[in-house]
């Protein structure tokens, strides 16, 4: 995973964000317990105007939003019906 610090603060690639989210999902980010805590924090995200906006209400999304002056982003784990 690669994290960089740019002029607007820390930066992460889409690939690195996906790898981190996969580790959280699989319970392999730091430890099983830490992964559960991270997942619960992501599930508690209150800003739902991005990924969850376009999904049925019964689909859970554990996600993290971010914004800069002209950018808005969201990355997360989408729990499908299966």
Foldseek 3Di string as FASTA:
>chain_A
DDWDQDPVGIDDDPVRLVVQQVCLVVCNNVGVVVSVVLQVQQQPDPDCPPVNVPDPPVKGWRKDWDDDPPDIDMDTDIHDPD
